Amino acid sequence: MTPANRVITMSQPCEQSQPTELSEIDDLLRAVVADGFTVYLCGGHDRPEAIVATYAWEHHVDFVVIKDAHEVTAARSRQVRDWDVFTADTVVWSYQGHARWALRAILDLLPPEHPDAPKDDYPAPPGVRIDPSFLGSVSVRTPRPGLVARRAMRLRAVVED
């Protein structure tokens, strides 16, 4: 059984998003891309059913699964042989909630080697799973050269300050 304090969840009312909120979410999505995440558009690149973004560390993967603005799961998983972002079974950290908070949480997550970073595996929340029907058409957008190391450098600099 997963201890309640391991899965961070913040529920927000599922009302229509305000224009300023959508602008903030767009800015946070751009920050994720600028941080060097690889983006997977699942279910078609024009109108994806889900968006998954991943950032690989040496032994871990940070990832975000966006199904809509009110259903976003951010997580970190241990990278093991045959690990698959679309069917992750375990995580060492996760956050579920509105895009605004989940994207901020993944952007501010401590690097895996930090002493205060989460370490213990527990079952992945259902929000990280992608419907197999969306995987028939997946477009991949890799980060521009030079951005891959940006997240590691940015987070390590913040931790050292």
Protein backbone atom coordinates (compact mmCIF):
# COMPACT_ATOMS: atom_id res chain seq x y z
CA MET A 1 0.00 0.00 0.00
CA THR A 2 1.30 3.46 -0.87
CA PRO A 3 1.67 5.78 2.12
CA ALA A 4 -0.61 8.79 1.69
CA ASN A 5 2.22 11.28 2.03
CA ARG A 6 4.14 9.88 -0.92
CA VAL A 7 1.72 10.88 -3.67
CA ILE A 8 1.18 14.61 -3.67
CA THR A 9 -2.21 15.54 -5.06
CA MET A 10 -3.81 18.94 -5.37
CA SER A 11 -7.29 19.09 -6.73
CA GLN A 12 -8.53 22.17 -8.48
CA PRO A 13 -12.08 22.85 -9.62
CA CYS A 14 -12.57 21.63 -13.18
CA GLU A 15 -14.05 24.85 -14.42
CA GLN A 16 -13.12 26.40 -17.72
CA SER A 17 -9.63 27.87 -17.58
CA GLN A 18 -9.29 31.64 -17.67
CA PRO A 19 -7.19 33.27 -20.46
CA THR A 20 -4.45 34.39 -18.03
CA GLU A 21 -4.27 30.86 -16.62
CA LEU A 22 -3.85 29.41 -20.12
CA SER A 23 -1.07 31.89 -20.79
CA GLU A 24 0.68 30.82 -17.57
CA ILE A 25 0.33 27.14 -18.54
CA ASP A 26 1.78 27.90 -21.99
CA ASP A 27 4.72 29.66 -20.32
CA LEU A 28 5.29 26.67 -18.01
CA LEU A 29 5.14 24.27 -20.97
CA ARG A 30 7.73 26.41 -22.77
CA ALA A 31 9.90 26.28 -19.63
CA VAL A 32 9.69 22.46 -19.63
CA VAL A 33 10.78 22.38 -23.28
CA ALA A 34 13.55 24.93 -22.59
CA ASP A 35 14.73 22.74 -19.70
CA GLY A 36 15.65 20.03 -22.22
CA PHE A 37 12.67 17.68 -21.99
CA THR A 38 11.80 15.44 -24.94
CA VAL A 39 8.11 15.82 -25.85
CA TYR A 40 5.83 13.04 -27.07
CA LEU A 41 2.51 14.01 -28.68
CA CYS A 42 0.28 10.95 -28.33
CA GLY A 43 -2.71 10.41 -30.58
CA GLY A 44 -1.63 12.75 -33.36
CA HIS A 45 0.61 15.82 -33.49
CA ASP A 46 -2.14 18.21 -34.61
CA ARG A 47 -4.55 17.46 -31.75
CA PRO A 48 -2.83 15.10 -29.30
CA GLU A 49 -4.91 13.17 -26.78
CA ALA A 50 -2.01 13.29 -24.30
CA ILE A 51 1.35 15.03 -24.07
CA VAL A 52 4.27 13.36 -22.31
CA ALA A 53 7.56 15.13 -21.62
CA THR A 54 10.66 13.32 -20.32
CA TYR A 55 14.06 14.29 -18.98
CA ALA A 56 16.62 11.53 -18.42
CA TRP A 57 19.17 11.72 -15.63
CA GLU A 58 21.87 9.08 -15.26
CA HIS A 59 19.67 6.67 -13.26
CA HIS A 60 16.27 8.41 -13.17
CA VAL A 61 13.70 9.94 -15.51
CA ASP A 62 11.57 12.99 -14.73
CA PHE A 63 8.35 13.06 -16.70
CA VAL A 64 5.02 14.80 -17.06
CA VAL A 65 1.82 13.32 -18.46
CA ILE A 66 -0.73 15.91 -19.57
CA LYS A 67 -4.23 14.71 -20.41
CA ASP A 68 -5.87 18.11 -19.96
CA ALA A 69 -5.20 21.24 -17.86
CA HIS A 70 -6.87 19.67 -14.83
CA GLU A 71 -5.39 16.18 -15.19
CA VAL A 72 -1.60 16.36 -15.08
CA THR A 73 0.78 13.95 -13.39
CA ALA A 74 4.43 14.81 -12.85
CA ALA A 75 6.74 12.05 -11.67
CA ARG A 76 10.27 10.77 -11.26
CA SER A 77 11.00 7.13 -11.85
CA ARG A 78 14.10 5.04 -11.49
CA GLN A 79 15.43 4.24 -14.96
CA VAL A 80 15.72 0.48 -15.16
CA ARG A 81 16.17 -1.88 -18.06
CA ASP A 82 13.14 -1.84 -20.39
CA TRP A 83 11.61 1.18 -18.61
CA ASP A 84 8.75 2.65 -20.64
CA VAL A 85 7.40 6.15 -19.97
CA PHE A 86 3.93 5.16 -21.21
CA THR A 87 3.58 2.26 -18.75
CA ALA A 88 5.76 3.16 -15.75
CA ASP A 89 5.03 0.80 -12.83
CA THR A 90 6.92 2.56 -10.04
CA VAL A 91 8.02 6.07 -9.17
CA VAL A 92 10.11 7.69 -6.44
CA TRP A 93 8.06 10.91 -6.56
CA SER A 94 4.79 12.06 -8.09
CA TYR A 95 2.45 15.01 -8.10
CA GLN A 96 -1.07 15.02 -9.52
CA GLY A 97 -3.24 18.03 -10.12
CA HIS A 98 -3.75 21.10 -12.25
CA ALA A 99 -1.16 21.84 -14.94
CA ARG A 100 -0.08 25.06 -13.21
CA TRP A 101 1.04 23.23 -10.06
CA ALA A 102 2.25 19.97 -11.61
CA LEU A 103 4.49 21.75 -14.13
CA ARG A 104 5.92 24.00 -11.43
CA ALA A 105 6.56 20.95 -9.24
CA ILE A 106 8.53 19.09 -11.93
CA LEU A 107 10.53 22.21 -12.83
CA ASP A 108 11.56 22.67 -9.18
CA LEU A 109 12.19 19.00 -8.31
CA LEU A 110 15.63 18.51 -6.77
CA PRO A 111 18.21 16.61 -8.84
CA PRO A 112 18.22 12.87 -8.05
CA GLU A 113 21.68 12.96 -6.46
CA HIS A 114 20.66 15.68 -3.96
CA PRO A 115 20.50 14.29 -0.39
CA ASP A 116 16.92 15.56 0.03
CA ALA A 117 15.67 14.17 -3.30
CA PRO A 118 13.08 11.38 -3.10
CA LYS A 119 14.62 7.91 -3.21
CA ASP A 120 12.09 5.18 -2.32
CA ASP A 121 10.07 3.39 -5.01
CA TYR A 122 6.30 3.05 -4.74
CA PRO A 123 3.54 2.14 -7.23
CA ALA A 124 3.03 4.71 -9.97
CA PRO A 125 -0.26 6.63 -9.83
CA PRO A 126 -2.75 5.73 -12.58
CA GLY A 127 -2.35 9.21 -14.12
CA VAL A 128 1.03 8.27 -15.63
CA ARG A 129 -0.48 5.60 -17.87
CA ILE A 130 -1.34 6.47 -21.46
CA ASP A 131 -4.31 4.80 -23.15
CA PRO A 132 -2.79 2.29 -25.61
CA SER A 133 -5.08 3.58 -28.38
CA PHE A 134 -3.18 6.91 -28.26
CA LEU A 135 0.15 5.19 -28.90
CA GLY A 136 -0.62 4.29 -32.51
CA SER A 137 0.37 7.80 -33.52
CA VAL A 138 3.16 9.38 -31.46
CA SER A 139 5.21 12.36 -32.62
CA VAL A 140 8.51 12.99 -30.83
CA ARG A 141 10.12 16.40 -30.44
CA THR A 142 13.65 16.22 -29.14
CA PRO A 143 15.28 19.19 -27.42
CA ARG A 144 17.51 21.49 -29.41
CA PRO A 145 21.22 20.76 -29.04
CA GLY A 146 22.58 22.34 -25.89
CA LEU A 147 19.30 22.18 -23.97
CA VAL A 148 19.68 18.60 -22.77
CA ALA A 149 22.15 19.54 -20.02
CA ARG A 150 20.35 22.78 -19.15
CA ARG A 151 18.02 21.27 -16.52
CA ALA A 152 20.86 19.56 -14.66
CA MET A 153 22.98 22.72 -14.67
CA ARG A 154 20.06 24.95 -13.60
CA LEU A 155 18.96 22.72 -10.73
CA ARG A 156 22.47 22.09 -9.48
CA ALA A 157 23.16 25.84 -9.47
CA VAL A 158 19.97 26.48 -7.46
CA VAL A 159 20.88 23.77 -4.93
CA GLU A 160 24.40 25.17 -4.45
CA ASP A 161 23.11 28.68 -3.67
